[in-house]
Amino acid sequence: MAVYVLMLVVLAVRQCTSSGVTLDTVVAEIVAMKNERLEDAARMEHMEKELTNTKKRLAELEALKDPRTHQARQTHGHSPVAFQAYLSQGTGVGLHQVIPFNVATLNVGNAFNPTTHTFTCPVNGLYVFQSALTSQNGQMAQGQIMIAGMEGPNIYAAGASNGHGFDQGFNSLVTVCRKGDTVWVRNYHDQSRDMFTLKYTSFSGYLLEQVTVVTP
């Protein structure tokens, strides 16, 4: 810009010398041309911002085409919900019985019941659940996260018969739950009966975001 203005000044001086036009007139024309260039630059910057915003909006509209988006529409302002529970004593659970996580170290929202060992979703939402099972020395432990009677991910742990005889398995579930849905962890194998305690066997979960569940 500075070089451009300097060139205009040189040309203006030459024009004044040859044509008799006053220097003030030429300077005024130069200032007007400079202002036009500044306005053009401002308009260009504004157009670039508008283009960026348009691209962002198009990307958002494209995301709405994803069928997963229609399963849950996000809303805000929910109260926090989270729990953490563990197994405090050895179990003798049978096949498909609920693993009795009986001690809750965290129960924000009081949605986890340490008596029934189940979590009840207080609102429609996107939830995260996690469970870790530790097998007894030289034994096997298998579990499964259940939601509203539907089978979720499995958990497997099997300690070696010699040497290090304990093992821990872990899995998680991210899912949309409806208000009133119950979530628990059950024994998944008839040979999986007893699990190691001392907080090595646990069950936890939390509400990631409240949503409005949309029926497909």
N, C-alpha and C. Protein backbone atom coordinates (compact mmCIF):
# COMPACT_ATOMS: atom_id res chain seq x y z
N MET A 1 0.84 -1.20 0.00
CA MET A 1 0.00 0.00 0.00
C MET A 1 0.88 1.25 0.00
N ALA A 2 1.94 1.28 0.83
CA ALA A 2 2.81 2.45 0.93
C ALA A 2 3.49 2.73 -0.40
N VAL A 3 3.96 1.68 -1.07
CA VAL A 3 4.62 1.84 -2.37
C VAL A 3 3.63 2.38 -3.39
N TYR A 4 2.40 1.87 -3.33
CA TYR A 4 1.37 2.31 -4.28
C TYR A 4 1.08 3.80 -4.10
N VAL A 5 0.95 4.26 -2.85
CA VAL A 5 0.67 5.67 -2.58
C VAL A 5 1.84 6.54 -3.03
N LEU A 6 3.07 6.07 -2.79
CA LEU A 6 4.25 6.82 -3.20
C LEU A 6 4.28 7.00 -4.71
N MET A 7 3.92 5.96 -5.44
CA MET A 7 3.88 6.06 -6.91
C MET A 7 2.85 7.08 -7.34
N LEU A 8 1.70 7.08 -6.65
CA LEU A 8 0.65 8.05 -7.00
C LEU A 8 1.12 9.48 -6.74
N VAL A 9 1.86 9.67 -5.66
CA VAL A 9 2.37 11.01 -5.35
C VAL A 9 3.34 11.49 -6.43
N VAL A 10 4.23 10.59 -6.86
CA VAL A 10 5.18 10.95 -7.92
C VAL A 10 4.45 11.32 -9.19
N LEU A 11 3.44 10.51 -9.55
CA LEU A 11 2.66 10.81 -10.76
C LEU A 11 1.92 12.13 -10.61
N ALA A 12 1.44 12.38 -9.38
CA ALA A 12 0.68 13.62 -9.15
C ALA A 12 1.57 14.84 -9.33
N VAL A 13 2.78 14.75 -8.81
CA VAL A 13 3.71 15.88 -8.95
C VAL A 13 4.00 16.14 -10.42
N ARG A 14 4.21 15.06 -11.17
CA ARG A 14 4.46 15.22 -12.61
C ARG A 14 3.26 15.83 -13.31
N GLN A 15 2.04 15.40 -12.92
CA GLN A 15 0.84 15.90 -13.57
C GLN A 15 0.64 17.38 -13.26
N CYS A 16 0.93 17.76 -12.03
CA CYS A 16 0.79 19.17 -11.65
C CYS A 16 1.76 20.03 -12.45
N THR A 17 2.95 19.50 -12.65
CA THR A 17 3.98 20.25 -13.36
C THR A 17 3.61 20.44 -14.83
N SER A 18 2.99 19.40 -15.43
CA SER A 18 2.73 19.44 -16.86
C SER A 18 1.38 20.03 -17.24
N SER A 19 0.37 19.92 -16.35
CA SER A 19 -0.97 20.33 -16.74
C SER A 19 -1.50 21.54 -16.00
N GLY A 20 -0.82 21.95 -14.98
CA GLY A 20 -1.27 23.11 -14.24
C GLY A 20 -2.35 22.81 -13.22
N VAL A 21 -2.69 21.54 -13.02
CA VAL A 21 -3.66 21.17 -12.00
C VAL A 21 -3.03 21.37 -10.63
N THR A 22 -3.82 21.88 -9.69
CA THR A 22 -3.27 22.16 -8.36
C THR A 22 -2.93 20.86 -7.64
N LEU A 23 -1.94 20.95 -6.80
CA LEU A 23 -1.50 19.78 -6.03
C LEU A 23 -2.59 19.31 -5.06
N ASP A 24 -3.32 20.28 -4.50
CA ASP A 24 -4.39 19.92 -3.56
C ASP A 24 -5.44 19.04 -4.23
N THR A 25 -5.75 19.37 -5.47
CA THR A 25 -6.75 18.58 -6.20
C THR A 25 -6.27 17.16 -6.41
N VAL A 26 -5.01 17.03 -6.81
CA VAL A 26 -4.47 15.70 -7.05
C VAL A 26 -4.38 14.90 -5.76
N VAL A 27 -3.97 15.57 -4.67
CA VAL A 27 -3.87 14.88 -3.38
C VAL A 27 -5.25 14.39 -2.94
N ALA A 28 -6.26 15.22 -3.15
CA ALA A 28 -7.62 14.82 -2.78
C ALA A 28 -8.05 13.59 -3.57
N GLU A 29 -7.69 13.53 -4.85
CA GLU A 29 -8.02 12.37 -5.66
C GLU A 29 -7.27 11.12 -5.16
N ILE A 30 -6.02 11.33 -4.76
CA ILE A 30 -5.23 10.20 -4.23
C ILE A 30 -5.86 9.66 -2.95
N VAL A 31 -6.26 10.56 -2.05
CA VAL A 31 -6.89 10.14 -0.80
C VAL A 31 -8.18 9.38 -1.08
N ALA A 32 -8.95 9.86 -2.05
CA ALA A 32 -10.20 9.19 -2.40
C ALA A 32 -9.93 7.78 -2.92
N MET A 33 -8.90 7.65 -3.77
CA MET A 33 -8.55 6.33 -4.30
C MET A 33 -8.08 5.41 -3.18
N LYS A 34 -7.31 5.95 -2.21
CA LYS A 34 -6.85 5.15 -1.09
C LYS A 34 -8.02 4.66 -0.25
N ASN A 35 -8.99 5.55 -0.02
CA ASN A 35 -10.16 5.16 0.77
C ASN A 35 -10.97 4.08 0.06
N GLU A 36 -11.05 4.17 -1.25
CA GLU A 36 -11.76 3.14 -2.02
C GLU A 36 -11.08 1.79 -1.87
N ARG A 37 -9.75 1.79 -1.87
CA ARG A 37 -9.02 0.54 -1.72
C ARG A 37 -9.23 -0.04 -0.31
N LEU A 38 -9.27 0.83 0.70
CA LEU A 38 -9.52 0.36 2.06
C LEU A 38 -10.93 -0.21 2.18
N GLU A 39 -11.89 0.43 1.55
CA GLU A 39 -13.26 -0.08 1.57
C GLU A 39 -13.35 -1.42 0.87
N ASP A 40 -12.63 -1.55 -0.25
CA ASP A 40 -12.62 -2.83 -0.97
C ASP A 40 -12.03 -3.93 -0.09
N ALA A 41 -10.96 -3.62 0.64
CA ALA A 41 -10.33 -4.61 1.52
C ALA A 41 -11.28 -5.00 2.65
N ALA A 42 -12.02 -4.03 3.19
CA ALA A 42 -12.98 -4.32 4.26
C ALA A 42 -14.10 -5.21 3.74
N ARG A 43 -14.58 -4.89 2.53
CA ARG A 43 -15.64 -5.72 1.93
C ARG A 43 -15.15 -7.13 1.69
N MET A 44 -13.90 -7.27 1.25
CA MET A 44 -13.34 -8.59 0.99
C MET A 44 -13.23 -9.40 2.29
N GLU A 45 -12.80 -8.74 3.37
CA GLU A 45 -12.70 -9.42 4.67
C GLU A 45 -14.07 -9.87 5.16
N HIS A 46 -15.07 -9.00 4.96
CA HIS A 46 -16.43 -9.36 5.36
C HIS A 46 -16.95 -10.55 4.56
N MET A 47 -16.67 -10.57 3.27
CA MET A 47 -17.11 -11.68 2.42
C MET A 47 -16.43 -12.98 2.83
N GLU A 48 -15.16 -12.90 3.21
CA GLU A 48 -14.45 -14.10 3.65
C GLU A 48 -15.06 -14.66 4.94
N LYS A 49 -15.43 -13.76 5.86
CA LYS A 49 -16.07 -14.20 7.10
C LYS A 49 -17.43 -14.84 6.80
N GLU A 50 -18.19 -14.24 5.90
CA GLU A 50 -19.48 -14.80 5.53
C GLU A 50 -19.32 -16.17 4.90
N LEU A 51 -18.29 -16.34 4.09
CA LEU A 51 -18.03 -17.63 3.46
C LEU A 51 -17.68 -18.68 4.50
N THR A 52 -16.86 -18.31 5.49
CA THR A 52 -16.50 -19.24 6.56
C THR A 52 -17.73 -19.67 7.34
N ASN A 53 -18.59 -18.71 7.67
CA ASN A 53 -19.81 -19.03 8.42
C ASN A 53 -20.75 -19.91 7.61
N THR A 54 -20.82 -19.66 6.31
CA THR A 54 -21.67 -20.47 5.44
C THR A 54 -21.17 -21.91 5.38
N LYS A 55 -19.84 -22.09 5.28
CA LYS A 55 -19.27 -23.43 5.25
C LYS A 55 -19.57 -24.15 6.57
N LYS A 56 -19.46 -23.44 7.68
CA LYS A 56 -19.74 -24.04 8.98
C LYS A 56 -21.19 -24.48 9.07
N ARG A 57 -22.09 -23.63 8.59
CA ARG A 57 -23.51 -23.97 8.63
C ARG A 57 -23.82 -25.16 7.74
N LEU A 58 -23.19 -25.22 6.56
CA LEU A 58 -23.40 -26.35 5.66
C LEU A 58 -22.91 -27.65 6.31
N ALA A 59 -21.79 -27.57 7.04
CA ALA A 59 -21.28 -28.76 7.74
C ALA A 59 -22.26 -29.21 8.81
N GLU A 60 -22.88 -28.27 9.51
CA GLU A 60 -23.88 -28.62 10.52
C GLU A 60 -25.10 -29.27 9.89
N LEU A 61 -25.54 -28.73 8.76
CA LEU A 61 -26.69 -29.31 8.07
C LEU A 61 -26.37 -30.70 7.55
N GLU A 62 -25.13 -30.90 7.12
CA GLU A 62 -24.72 -32.21 6.63
C GLU A 62 -24.73 -33.23 7.77
N ALA A 63 -24.32 -32.77 8.97
CA ALA A 63 -24.31 -33.67 10.13
C ALA A 63 -25.72 -34.11 10.49
N LEU A 64 -26.70 -33.26 10.23
CA LEU A 64 -28.08 -33.61 10.56
C LEU A 64 -28.61 -34.76 9.70
N LYS A 65 -27.93 -35.02 8.57
CA LYS A 65 -28.34 -36.13 7.72
C LYS A 65 -27.96 -37.47 8.31
N ASP A 66 -27.02 -37.47 9.27
CA ASP A 66 -26.58 -38.70 9.91
C ASP A 66 -27.76 -39.28 10.70
N PRO A 67 -28.17 -40.53 10.44
CA PRO A 67 -29.32 -41.10 11.15
C PRO A 67 -29.14 -41.15 12.65
N ARG A 68 -27.90 -41.19 13.13
CA ARG A 68 -27.68 -41.22 14.57
C ARG A 68 -28.12 -39.92 15.22
N THR A 69 -28.08 -38.84 14.45
CA THR A 69 -28.49 -37.55 15.00
C THR A 69 -29.97 -37.54 15.32
N HIS A 70 -30.77 -38.32 14.57
CA HIS A 70 -32.21 -38.34 14.77
C HIS A 70 -32.61 -39.19 15.95
N GLN A 71 -31.67 -39.94 16.52
CA GLN A 71 -31.99 -40.75 17.69
C GLN A 71 -32.04 -39.91 18.95
N ALA A 72 -31.28 -38.83 18.94
CA ALA A 72 -31.24 -37.99 20.15
C ALA A 72 -30.97 -36.55 19.77
N ARG A 73 -31.84 -35.66 20.23
CA ARG A 73 -31.65 -34.24 20.01
C ARG A 73 -31.24 -33.60 21.32
N GLN A 74 -30.12 -32.92 21.30
CA GLN A 74 -29.51 -32.43 22.52
C GLN A 74 -30.30 -31.28 23.12
N THR A 75 -30.45 -31.33 24.43
CA THR A 75 -30.99 -30.21 25.20
C THR A 75 -30.05 -29.94 26.36
N HIS A 76 -30.18 -28.80 26.98
CA HIS A 76 -29.23 -28.41 28.02
C HIS A 76 -29.96 -28.14 29.33
N GLY A 77 -29.17 -27.96 30.38
CA GLY A 77 -29.74 -27.58 31.66
C GLY A 77 -30.06 -28.74 32.57
N HIS A 78 -29.50 -29.93 32.37
CA HIS A 78 -29.82 -31.08 33.21
C HIS A 78 -29.01 -31.05 34.50
N SER A 79 -29.54 -31.73 35.52
CA SER A 79 -28.80 -31.90 36.77
C SER A 79 -27.81 -33.04 36.60
N PRO A 80 -26.67 -32.99 37.26
CA PRO A 80 -25.66 -34.05 37.11
C PRO A 80 -26.14 -35.38 37.68
N VAL A 81 -25.78 -36.45 37.01
CA VAL A 81 -26.11 -37.81 37.45
C VAL A 81 -24.85 -38.65 37.28
N ALA A 82 -24.39 -39.29 38.36
CA ALA A 82 -23.19 -40.13 38.29
C ALA A 82 -23.16 -41.06 39.50
N PHE A 83 -22.58 -42.25 39.30
CA PHE A 83 -22.45 -43.19 40.41
C PHE A 83 -21.19 -44.02 40.25
N GLN A 84 -20.73 -44.53 41.37
CA GLN A 84 -19.59 -45.44 41.41
C GLN A 84 -19.86 -46.45 42.52
N ALA A 85 -19.84 -47.74 42.19
CA ALA A 85 -20.12 -48.78 43.18
C ALA A 85 -19.12 -49.91 43.03
N TYR A 86 -18.93 -50.66 44.11
CA TYR A 86 -18.02 -51.79 44.04
C TYR A 86 -18.56 -52.95 44.87
N LEU A 87 -17.94 -54.08 44.69
CA LEU A 87 -18.32 -55.32 45.36
C LEU A 87 -17.49 -55.44 46.64
N SER A 88 -18.16 -55.48 47.79
CA SER A 88 -17.43 -55.47 49.06
C SER A 88 -17.21 -56.87 49.63
N GLN A 89 -17.91 -57.87 49.11
CA GLN A 89 -17.77 -59.22 49.64
C GLN A 89 -17.90 -60.24 48.53
N GLY A 90 -17.35 -61.42 48.75
CA GLY A 90 -17.39 -62.48 47.75
C GLY A 90 -18.83 -62.85 47.38
N THR A 91 -19.00 -63.28 46.16
CA THR A 91 -20.34 -63.60 45.67
C THR A 91 -20.42 -65.07 45.28
N GLY A 92 -21.64 -65.55 45.28
CA GLY A 92 -21.89 -66.89 44.78
C GLY A 92 -23.01 -66.83 43.77
N VAL A 93 -22.90 -65.90 42.82
CA VAL A 93 -23.99 -65.64 41.87
C VAL A 93 -24.09 -66.77 40.85
N GLY A 94 -25.32 -67.06 40.49
CA GLY A 94 -25.56 -68.06 39.46
C GLY A 94 -25.64 -67.43 38.09
N LEU A 95 -25.88 -68.24 37.10
CA LEU A 95 -25.96 -67.79 35.72
C LEU A 95 -27.04 -66.72 35.56
N HIS A 96 -26.68 -65.60 34.94
CA HIS A 96 -27.57 -64.48 34.63
C HIS A 96 -28.10 -63.75 35.85
N GLN A 97 -27.55 -64.02 37.02
CA GLN A 97 -27.95 -63.25 38.20
C GLN A 97 -27.21 -61.92 38.25
N VAL A 98 -27.84 -60.94 38.91
CA VAL A 98 -27.23 -59.61 39.03
C VAL A 98 -26.02 -59.69 39.94
N ILE A 99 -24.92 -59.11 39.51
CA ILE A 99 -23.73 -59.04 40.36
C ILE A 99 -23.99 -57.97 41.42
N PRO A 100 -23.90 -58.34 42.69
CA PRO A 100 -24.35 -57.44 43.76
C PRO A 100 -23.34 -56.36 44.16
N PHE A 101 -23.24 -55.33 43.34
CA PHE A 101 -22.42 -54.18 43.72
C PHE A 101 -23.16 -53.45 44.85
N ASN A 102 -22.68 -53.63 46.05
CA ASN A 102 -23.47 -53.23 47.22
C ASN A 102 -22.97 -51.98 47.94
N VAL A 103 -21.83 -51.43 47.52
CA VAL A 103 -21.33 -50.23 48.17
C VAL A 103 -21.17 -49.12 47.12
N ALA A 104 -21.89 -48.03 47.33
CA ALA A 104 -21.81 -46.89 46.41
C ALA A 104 -20.92 -45.81 47.02
N THR A 105 -19.80 -45.55 46.40
CA THR A 105 -18.90 -44.50 46.88
C THR A 105 -19.29 -43.14 46.31
N LEU A 106 -20.11 -43.15 45.26
CA LEU A 106 -20.62 -41.92 44.65
C LEU A 106 -22.01 -42.22 44.11
N ASN A 107 -22.95 -41.33 44.40
CA ASN A 107 -24.32 -41.56 43.92
C ASN A 107 -25.02 -40.21 43.74
N VAL A 108 -24.49 -39.40 42.84
CA VAL A 108 -25.06 -38.09 42.55
C VAL A 108 -26.36 -38.27 41.79
N GLY A 109 -27.44 -37.77 42.34
CA GLY A 109 -28.75 -37.96 41.74
C GLY A 109 -29.51 -39.14 42.29
N ASN A 110 -28.83 -39.98 43.12
CA ASN A 110 -29.46 -41.14 43.76
C ASN A 110 -30.16 -42.07 42.78
N ALA A 111 -29.57 -42.27 41.62
CA ALA A 111 -30.18 -43.13 40.61
C ALA A 111 -29.71 -44.58 40.73
N PHE A 112 -28.63 -44.81 41.51
CA PHE A 112 -28.16 -46.18 41.71
C PHE A 112 -28.71 -46.71 43.02
N ASN A 113 -29.20 -47.95 42.99
CA ASN A 113 -29.76 -48.59 44.18
C ASN A 113 -28.81 -49.70 44.64
N PRO A 114 -28.10 -49.50 45.77
CA PRO A 114 -27.16 -50.53 46.23
C PRO A 114 -27.83 -51.77 46.78
N THR A 115 -29.15 -51.71 46.96
CA THR A 115 -29.88 -52.90 47.43
C THR A 115 -30.23 -53.82 46.28
N THR A 116 -30.73 -53.25 45.19
CA THR A 116 -31.05 -54.05 44.00
C THR A 116 -29.86 -54.12 43.04
N HIS A 117 -28.83 -53.27 43.29
CA HIS A 117 -27.59 -53.26 42.50
C HIS A 117 -27.84 -52.81 41.07
N THR A 118 -28.86 -51.96 40.87
CA THR A 118 -29.22 -51.51 39.54
C THR A 118 -29.25 -49.98 39.49
N PHE A 119 -29.07 -49.46 38.29
CA PHE A 119 -29.15 -48.02 38.04
C PHE A 119 -30.41 -47.76 37.23
N THR A 120 -31.20 -46.77 37.63
CA THR A 120 -32.41 -46.39 36.90
C THR A 120 -32.21 -45.01 36.30
N CYS A 121 -32.33 -44.92 34.99
CA CYS A 121 -32.09 -43.64 34.31
C CYS A 121 -33.17 -42.63 34.70
N PRO A 122 -32.78 -41.51 35.29
CA PRO A 122 -33.77 -40.53 35.74
C PRO A 122 -34.36 -39.67 34.63
N VAL A 123 -33.65 -39.55 33.51
CA VAL A 123 -34.11 -38.74 32.38
C VAL A 123 -33.67 -39.40 31.08
N ASN A 124 -34.33 -39.04 30.00
CA ASN A 124 -33.83 -39.44 28.69
C ASN A 124 -32.45 -38.82 28.50
N GLY A 125 -31.50 -39.61 28.04
CA GLY A 125 -30.17 -39.04 27.89
C GLY A 125 -29.17 -39.97 27.27
N LEU A 126 -28.02 -39.41 26.99
CA LEU A 126 -26.87 -40.16 26.51
C LEU A 126 -26.01 -40.49 27.73
N TYR A 127 -25.83 -41.79 28.00
CA TYR A 127 -25.15 -42.24 29.21
C TYR A 127 -23.90 -43.03 28.87
N VAL A 128 -22.99 -43.07 29.84
CA VAL A 128 -21.78 -43.89 29.75
C VAL A 128 -21.76 -44.81 30.97
N PHE A 129 -21.58 -46.12 30.73
CA PHE A 129 -21.49 -47.10 31.81
C PHE A 129 -20.19 -47.89 31.65
N GLN A 130 -19.60 -48.26 32.80
CA GLN A 130 -18.35 -49.00 32.80
C GLN A 130 -18.38 -50.05 33.90
N SER A 131 -17.73 -51.17 33.65
CA SER A 131 -17.64 -52.20 34.69
C SER A 131 -16.32 -52.95 34.56
N ALA A 132 -15.76 -53.26 35.71
CA ALA A 132 -14.54 -54.06 35.77
C ALA A 132 -14.80 -55.27 36.67
N LEU A 133 -14.43 -56.45 36.21
CA LEU A 133 -14.58 -57.68 36.98
C LEU A 133 -13.21 -58.31 37.17
N THR A 134 -12.92 -58.74 38.39
CA THR A 134 -11.65 -59.40 38.68
C THR A 134 -11.93 -60.82 39.14
N SER A 135 -11.30 -61.76 38.47
CA SER A 135 -11.51 -63.17 38.79
C SER A 135 -10.73 -63.58 40.03
N GLN A 136 -11.23 -64.59 40.71
CA GLN A 136 -10.50 -65.14 41.85
C GLN A 136 -9.27 -65.90 41.33
N ASN A 137 -8.38 -66.22 42.22
CA ASN A 137 -7.14 -66.88 41.88
C ASN A 137 -7.39 -68.17 41.10
N GLY A 138 -6.90 -68.19 39.85
CA GLY A 138 -7.01 -69.37 39.00
C GLY A 138 -8.40 -69.63 38.48
N GLN A 139 -9.32 -68.68 38.62
CA GLN A 139 -10.70 -68.89 38.17
C GLN A 139 -11.07 -67.93 37.05
N MET A 140 -12.30 -68.09 36.57
CA MET A 140 -12.80 -67.28 35.47
C MET A 140 -13.96 -66.42 35.95
N ALA A 141 -14.07 -65.22 35.39
CA ALA A 141 -15.21 -64.34 35.68
C ALA A 141 -15.70 -63.76 34.37
N GLN A 142 -17.00 -63.86 34.12
CA GLN A 142 -17.60 -63.27 32.93
C GLN A 142 -18.84 -62.49 33.34
N GLY A 143 -18.97 -61.31 32.79
CA GLY A 143 -20.13 -60.48 33.07
C GLY A 143 -20.67 -59.85 31.81
N GLN A 144 -21.81 -59.19 31.94
CA GLN A 144 -22.43 -58.53 30.80
C GLN A 144 -23.23 -57.33 31.31
N ILE A 145 -23.02 -56.18 30.69
CA ILE A 145 -23.80 -54.99 31.02
C ILE A 145 -25.17 -55.10 30.35
N MET A 146 -26.21 -54.93 31.13
CA MET A 146 -27.58 -55.05 30.62
C MET A 146 -28.28 -53.69 30.72
N ILE A 147 -29.10 -53.40 29.72
CA ILE A 147 -29.86 -52.16 29.72
C ILE A 147 -31.29 -52.46 29.28
N ALA A 148 -32.24 -52.23 30.17
CA ALA A 148 -33.66 -52.45 29.89
C ALA A 148 -33.91 -53.86 29.36
N GLY A 149 -33.19 -54.83 29.90
CA GLY A 149 -33.37 -56.21 29.48
C GLY A 149 -32.64 -56.59 28.21
N MET A 150 -31.96 -55.64 27.58
CA MET A 150 -31.21 -55.90 26.35
C MET A 150 -29.75 -56.15 26.68
N GLU A 151 -29.15 -57.09 25.97
CA GLU A 151 -27.76 -57.45 26.22
C GLU A 151 -26.81 -56.37 25.70
N GLY A 152 -25.85 -56.01 26.57
CA GLY A 152 -24.82 -55.06 26.18
C GLY A 152 -23.48 -55.75 26.04
N PRO A 153 -22.38 -55.03 26.19
CA PRO A 153 -21.05 -55.62 26.00
C PRO A 153 -20.69 -56.60 27.11
N ASN A 154 -19.84 -57.56 26.77
CA ASN A 154 -19.40 -58.60 27.70
C ASN A 154 -18.07 -58.23 28.36
N ILE A 155 -17.83 -58.84 29.51
CA ILE A 155 -16.59 -58.64 30.26
C ILE A 155 -16.01 -60.02 30.57
N TYR A 156 -14.70 -60.18 30.37
CA TYR A 156 -14.09 -61.49 30.56
C TYR A 156 -12.78 -61.36 31.32
N ALA A 157 -12.59 -62.23 32.31
CA ALA A 157 -11.32 -62.29 33.04
C ALA A 157 -11.07 -63.74 33.42
N ALA A 158 -9.84 -64.20 33.24
CA ALA A 158 -9.50 -65.59 33.57
C ALA A 158 -8.06 -65.64 34.07
N GLY A 159 -7.91 -65.94 35.36
CA GLY A 159 -6.57 -66.02 35.93
C GLY A 159 -5.88 -67.33 35.56
N ALA A 160 -4.57 -67.28 35.46
CA ALA A 160 -3.81 -68.48 35.14
C ALA A 160 -3.84 -69.45 36.33
N SER A 161 -3.75 -70.73 36.02
CA SER A 161 -3.77 -71.75 37.07
C SER A 161 -2.46 -71.83 37.83
N ASN A 162 -1.42 -71.22 37.27
CA ASN A 162 -0.14 -71.17 37.98
C ASN A 162 0.45 -69.76 37.85
N GLY A 163 1.32 -69.42 38.73
CA GLY A 163 1.90 -68.07 38.68
C GLY A 163 0.88 -67.03 39.10
N HIS A 164 0.75 -65.98 38.30
CA HIS A 164 -0.18 -64.90 38.59
C HIS A 164 -1.61 -65.38 38.32
N GLY A 165 -2.35 -65.66 39.37
CA GLY A 165 -3.63 -66.33 39.19
C GLY A 165 -4.84 -65.43 39.12
N PHE A 166 -4.67 -64.10 39.17
CA PHE A 166 -5.80 -63.18 39.09
C PHE A 166 -5.81 -62.49 37.73
N ASP A 167 -7.00 -62.07 37.32
CA ASP A 167 -7.12 -61.35 36.06
C ASP A 167 -8.29 -60.38 36.18
N GLN A 168 -8.21 -59.29 35.42
CA GLN A 168 -9.30 -58.30 35.44
C GLN A 168 -9.75 -57.99 34.02
N GLY A 169 -11.06 -58.01 33.83
CA GLY A 169 -11.65 -57.64 32.55
C GLY A 169 -12.43 -56.35 32.69
N PHE A 170 -12.52 -55.60 31.60
CA PHE A 170 -13.18 -54.29 31.64
C PHE A 170 -13.94 -54.08 30.33
N ASN A 171 -15.08 -53.37 30.43
CA ASN A 171 -15.78 -52.95 29.23
C ASN A 171 -16.65 -51.75 29.55
N SER A 172 -17.12 -51.08 28.52
CA SER A 172 -17.94 -49.88 28.71
C SER A 172 -19.07 -49.87 27.69
N LEU A 173 -20.07 -49.06 27.97
CA LEU A 173 -21.23 -48.94 27.10
C LEU A 173 -21.63 -47.47 27.02
N VAL A 174 -21.72 -46.94 25.81
CA VAL A 174 -22.22 -45.59 25.57
C VAL A 174 -23.53 -45.74 24.81
N THR A 175 -24.62 -45.24 25.39
CA THR A 175 -25.92 -45.51 24.80
C THR A 175 -26.93 -44.44 25.16
N VAL A 176 -27.98 -44.35 24.38
CA VAL A 176 -29.11 -43.48 24.69
C VAL A 176 -30.12 -44.28 25.51
N CYS A 177 -30.46 -43.75 26.68
CA CYS A 177 -31.43 -44.41 27.57
C CYS A 177 -32.69 -43.57 27.67
N ARG A 178 -33.80 -44.27 27.86
CA ARG A 178 -35.05 -43.58 28.14
C ARG A 178 -35.25 -43.50 29.64
N LYS A 179 -35.98 -42.50 30.07
CA LYS A 179 -36.28 -42.35 31.49
C LYS A 179 -36.95 -43.63 32.00
N GLY A 180 -36.44 -44.17 33.11
CA GLY A 180 -36.99 -45.39 33.68
C GLY A 180 -36.27 -46.65 33.27
N ASP A 181 -35.42 -46.59 32.25
CA ASP A 181 -34.63 -47.77 31.88
C ASP A 181 -33.69 -48.15 33.03
N THR A 182 -33.55 -49.45 33.26
CA THR A 182 -32.64 -49.92 34.30
C THR A 182 -31.39 -50.53 33.66
N VAL A 183 -30.27 -50.35 34.34
CA VAL A 183 -28.98 -50.85 33.86
C VAL A 183 -28.32 -51.60 35.00
N TRP A 184 -27.78 -52.79 34.70
CA TRP A 184 -27.10 -53.58 35.71
C TRP A 184 -26.05 -54.45 35.04
N VAL A 185 -25.27 -55.14 35.85
CA VAL A 185 -24.26 -56.08 35.34
C VAL A 185 -24.63 -57.48 35.85
N ARG A 186 -24.68 -58.44 34.97
CA ARG A 186 -25.06 -59.79 35.37
C ARG A 186 -23.93 -60.78 35.11
N ASN A 187 -24.00 -61.91 35.83
CA ASN A 187 -23.08 -63.02 35.59
C ASN A 187 -23.44 -63.64 34.24
N TYR A 188 -22.42 -63.89 33.42
CA TYR A 188 -22.70 -64.31 32.05
C TYR A 188 -22.31 -65.76 31.75
N HIS A 189 -21.76 -66.47 32.75
CA HIS A 189 -21.32 -67.84 32.46
C HIS A 189 -21.56 -68.70 33.70
N ASP A 190 -21.96 -69.95 33.46
CA ASP A 190 -22.29 -70.82 34.59
C ASP A 190 -21.07 -71.22 35.41
N GLN A 191 -19.86 -71.03 34.85
CA GLN A 191 -18.64 -71.33 35.60
C GLN A 191 -18.08 -70.08 36.29
N SER A 192 -18.74 -68.95 36.06
CA SER A 192 -18.30 -67.70 36.68
C SER A 192 -19.18 -67.46 37.91
N ARG A 193 -18.64 -67.75 39.09
CA ARG A 193 -19.48 -67.71 40.29
C ARG A 193 -18.95 -66.76 41.37
N ASP A 194 -17.67 -66.62 41.46
CA ASP A 194 -17.12 -65.80 42.53
C ASP A 194 -16.13 -64.80 41.95
N MET A 195 -16.13 -63.59 42.48
CA MET A 195 -15.28 -62.53 41.97
C MET A 195 -14.51 -61.87 43.10
N PHE A 196 -13.33 -61.39 42.76
CA PHE A 196 -12.47 -60.77 43.75
C PHE A 196 -13.03 -59.41 44.15
N THR A 197 -12.86 -59.05 45.41
CA THR A 197 -13.45 -57.82 45.93
C THR A 197 -12.38 -56.74 46.12
N LEU A 198 -12.41 -56.05 47.25
CA LEU A 198 -11.45 -55.00 47.57
C LEU A 198 -11.38 -53.93 46.49
N LYS A 199 -12.53 -53.58 45.95
CA LYS A 199 -12.69 -52.52 44.94
C LYS A 199 -12.07 -52.87 43.58
N TYR A 200 -11.68 -54.12 43.39
CA TYR A 200 -11.18 -54.54 42.08
C TYR A 200 -12.34 -54.86 41.14
N THR A 201 -13.54 -55.05 41.67
CA THR A 201 -14.72 -55.34 40.86
C THR A 201 -15.70 -54.20 41.07
N SER A 202 -15.99 -53.45 40.01
CA SER A 202 -16.74 -52.21 40.17
C SER A 202 -17.72 -51.98 39.02
N PHE A 203 -18.61 -51.02 39.24
CA PHE A 203 -19.64 -50.65 38.27
C PHE A 203 -19.86 -49.15 38.43
N SER A 204 -19.82 -48.42 37.32
CA SER A 204 -19.99 -46.97 37.38
C SER A 204 -20.69 -46.46 36.13
N GLY A 205 -21.17 -45.23 36.21
CA GLY A 205 -21.84 -44.63 35.07
C GLY A 205 -22.18 -43.18 35.33
N TYR A 206 -22.51 -42.48 34.25
CA TYR A 206 -22.89 -41.08 34.40
C TYR A 206 -23.68 -40.62 33.18
N LEU A 207 -24.45 -39.57 33.39
CA LEU A 207 -25.22 -38.93 32.31
C LEU A 207 -24.29 -37.98 31.58
N LEU A 208 -24.07 -38.25 30.31
CA LEU A 208 -23.20 -37.39 29.51
C LEU A 208 -23.95 -36.15 29.04
N GLU A 209 -25.18 -36.34 28.57
CA GLU A 209 -26.00 -35.23 28.10
C GLU A 209 -27.45 -35.63 28.06
N GLN A 210 -28.31 -34.77 28.58
CA GLN A 210 -29.74 -35.02 28.48
C GLN A 210 -30.19 -34.79 27.05
N VAL A 211 -31.07 -35.65 26.56
CA VAL A 211 -31.53 -35.54 25.17
C VAL A 211 -33.03 -35.79 25.11
N THR A 212 -33.60 -35.40 23.99
CA THR A 212 -34.98 -35.76 23.69
C THR A 212 -34.93 -36.95 22.76
N VAL A 213 -35.42 -38.07 23.24
CA VAL A 213 -35.38 -39.30 22.44
C VAL A 213 -36.44 -39.22 21.36
N VAL A 214 -36.00 -39.41 20.13
CA VAL A 214 -36.91 -39.33 18.99
C VAL A 214 -37.18 -40.72 18.47
N THR A 215 -38.42 -41.07 18.35
CA THR A 215 -38.78 -42.39 17.82
C THR A 215 -38.49 -42.43 16.33
N PRO A 216 -37.73 -43.39 15.86
CA PRO A 216 -37.37 -43.46 14.42
C PRO A 216 -38.62 -43.57 13.55
